[in-house]
Amino acid sequence: MKPLFEHYRAQRPVYALDLPGFGHSDRSKRRYSPELFAGVIAEFLEQVVKVPADVAAFSLGCEFAARATLQQPTLVTSLTLLSRLVLICAAYRPARQQNGHINSSAFRSSMTVYSACSRPAPALNFSTIKHL
């Protein structure tokens, strides 16, 4: 993620989150769960970023970012999921309906593709898939 961070920080605000229990964050005694991490991401987007954001996540963070997008779709302009084995596996632009919810079938399709792509693959087998 560091090369992406370095590239984009000259053009726009860029944030790198240390989720609870990761990096330099606290490791307090609590139940760590995907729901907790998704909630932290959504809260950060709402309270710090304050405008719809382009979100990129790597490896396990993909699940948390996807959950945050489902929880608060109005906070996310685009969601890019990156995996170790597949450089860019799925990029998703939420298709908004009138009630403000994302098009869940498009999102499920993206996640199905992500699941298939993140299985072990031969070296140099990179795929790029976009849902706009």
Protein backbone atom coordinates (compact mmCIF):
# COMPACT_ATOMS: atom_id res chain seq x y z
CA MET A 1 0.00 0.00 0.00
CA LYS A 2 2.90 2.36 0.62
CA PRO A 3 3.56 3.00 -3.12
CA LEU A 4 -0.12 3.92 -3.61
CA PHE A 5 -0.02 6.13 -0.54
CA GLU A 6 3.09 7.93 -1.77
CA HIS A 7 1.68 8.35 -5.28
CA TYR A 8 -1.69 9.79 -4.28
CA ARG A 9 -0.71 11.94 -1.31
CA ALA A 10 0.63 14.65 -3.64
CA GLN A 11 -2.79 14.85 -5.33
CA ARG A 12 -5.33 14.43 -2.51
CA PRO A 13 -5.71 13.75 1.19
CA VAL A 14 -4.65 10.16 1.93
CA TYR A 15 -5.17 8.31 5.21
CA ALA A 16 -3.62 5.03 6.37
CA LEU A 17 -5.53 3.56 9.30
CA ASP A 18 -4.10 1.41 12.06
CA LEU A 19 -7.16 -0.56 13.05
CA PRO A 20 -7.47 -1.65 16.70
CA GLY A 21 -4.89 -4.33 17.43
CA PHE A 22 -2.89 -3.58 14.25
CA GLY A 23 0.17 -1.38 13.68
CA HIS A 24 0.72 1.22 16.36
CA SER A 25 -2.86 1.20 17.67
CA ASP A 26 -3.79 0.14 21.18
CA ARG A 27 -4.30 -3.51 21.97
CA SER A 28 -6.85 -3.16 24.73
CA LYS A 29 -8.72 -6.15 26.02
CA ARG A 30 -11.85 -6.34 23.88
CA ARG A 31 -13.50 -8.57 21.30
CA TYR A 32 -11.79 -7.98 17.96
CA SER A 33 -14.13 -8.80 15.09
CA PRO A 34 -14.77 -7.88 11.46
CA GLU A 35 -17.76 -5.85 12.68
CA LEU A 36 -15.52 -3.83 15.02
CA PHE A 37 -13.03 -3.05 12.25
CA ALA A 38 -15.77 -2.15 9.75
CA GLY A 39 -17.32 0.14 12.33
CA VAL A 40 -14.00 1.87 12.97
CA ILE A 41 -13.55 2.48 9.23
CA ALA A 42 -17.09 3.82 8.82
CA GLU A 43 -16.71 6.06 11.89
CA PHE A 44 -13.39 7.41 10.58
CA LEU A 45 -14.92 8.20 7.19
CA GLU A 46 -17.88 9.92 8.80
CA GLN A 47 -16.06 11.90 11.51
CA VAL A 48 -12.66 12.65 9.95
CA VAL A 49 -12.97 12.51 6.16
CA LYS A 50 -16.55 13.87 6.15
CA VAL A 51 -17.04 13.51 2.38
CA PRO A 52 -17.53 10.39 0.24
CA ALA A 53 -14.11 8.79 -0.20
CA ASP A 54 -12.23 6.47 -2.53
CA VAL A 55 -11.31 3.53 -0.29
CA ALA A 56 -8.52 1.03 -1.03
CA ALA A 57 -7.88 -2.01 1.14
CA PHE A 58 -5.26 -4.74 1.14
CA SER A 59 -5.48 -8.39 2.14
CA LEU A 60 -7.60 -8.93 5.27
CA GLY A 61 -8.53 -5.24 5.30
CA CYS A 62 -10.60 -5.94 2.16
CA GLU A 63 -13.25 -7.66 4.24
CA PHE A 64 -13.41 -4.79 6.72
CA ALA A 65 -13.59 -2.12 4.01
CA ALA A 66 -16.31 -4.09 2.17
CA ARG A 67 -18.34 -4.37 5.38
CA ALA A 68 -17.91 -0.64 6.07
CA THR A 69 -19.15 0.11 2.54
CA LEU A 70 -22.23 -2.03 3.10
CA GLN A 71 -22.88 -0.34 6.47
CA GLN A 72 -22.46 3.23 5.22
CA PRO A 73 -22.59 3.27 1.39
CA THR A 74 -22.98 7.05 1.22
CA LEU A 75 -19.47 7.45 2.71
CA VAL A 76 -17.75 5.56 -0.13
CA THR A 77 -17.30 6.82 -3.69
CA SER A 78 -15.30 3.79 -4.83
CA LEU A 79 -13.94 0.65 -3.21
CA THR A 80 -10.76 -1.01 -4.48
CA LEU A 81 -9.79 -4.38 -3.04
CA LEU A 82 -6.18 -5.53 -3.34
CA SER A 83 -4.86 -9.01 -2.65
CA ARG A 84 -1.33 -10.40 -2.41
CA LEU A 85 -1.94 -12.91 -5.17
CA VAL A 86 -3.98 -10.75 -7.48
CA LEU A 87 -2.71 -7.19 -7.72
CA ILE A 88 -6.07 -5.52 -8.30
CA CYS A 89 -8.89 -7.94 -7.88
CA ALA A 90 -12.02 -5.83 -7.82
CA ALA A 91 -12.85 -2.19 -7.98
CA TYR A 92 -16.40 -1.24 -7.26
CA ARG A 93 -18.32 2.00 -7.67
CA PRO A 94 -21.52 1.79 -5.66
CA ALA A 95 -24.57 2.15 -7.89
CA ARG A 96 -26.90 4.26 -5.78
CA GLN A 97 -30.62 3.77 -5.76
CA GLN A 98 -33.01 6.57 -4.85
CA ASN A 99 -33.12 5.47 -1.22
CA GLY A 100 -29.34 5.88 -0.91
CA HIS A 101 -28.49 2.19 -0.75
CA ILE A 102 -25.97 0.53 -3.02
CA ASN A 103 -26.96 -1.93 -5.69
CA SER A 104 -26.42 -5.08 -3.64
CA SER A 105 -26.39 -7.45 -6.64
CA ALA A 106 -23.49 -5.50 -8.18
CA PHE A 107 -21.68 -5.57 -4.85
CA ARG A 108 -22.25 -9.32 -4.41
CA SER A 109 -20.95 -9.84 -7.93
CA SER A 110 -17.80 -7.87 -7.06
CA MET A 111 -17.30 -9.88 -3.89
CA THR A 112 -17.80 -13.18 -5.74
CA VAL A 113 -15.09 -12.14 -8.18
CA TYR A 114 -12.86 -11.08 -5.28
CA SER A 115 -13.34 -14.44 -3.54
CA ALA A 116 -12.45 -16.32 -6.71
CA CYS A 117 -9.42 -14.15 -7.41
CA SER A 118 -7.98 -14.31 -3.93
CA ARG A 119 -7.49 -18.06 -4.01
CA PRO A 120 -3.88 -19.21 -4.51
CA ALA A 121 -2.83 -18.70 -8.10
CA PRO A 122 0.34 -19.18 -10.13
CA ALA A 123 2.92 -16.41 -9.86
CA LEU A 124 2.40 -13.50 -12.26
CA ASN A 125 -1.28 -14.35 -12.72
CA PHE A 126 -2.65 -10.82 -12.26
CA SER A 127 -6.20 -9.79 -13.12
CA THR A 128 -7.96 -6.45 -13.19
CA ILE A 129 -11.71 -6.35 -12.87
CA LYS A 130 -13.76 -3.17 -12.62
CA HIS A 131 -17.42 -2.57 -11.92
CA LEU A 132 -18.26 1.05 -12.69
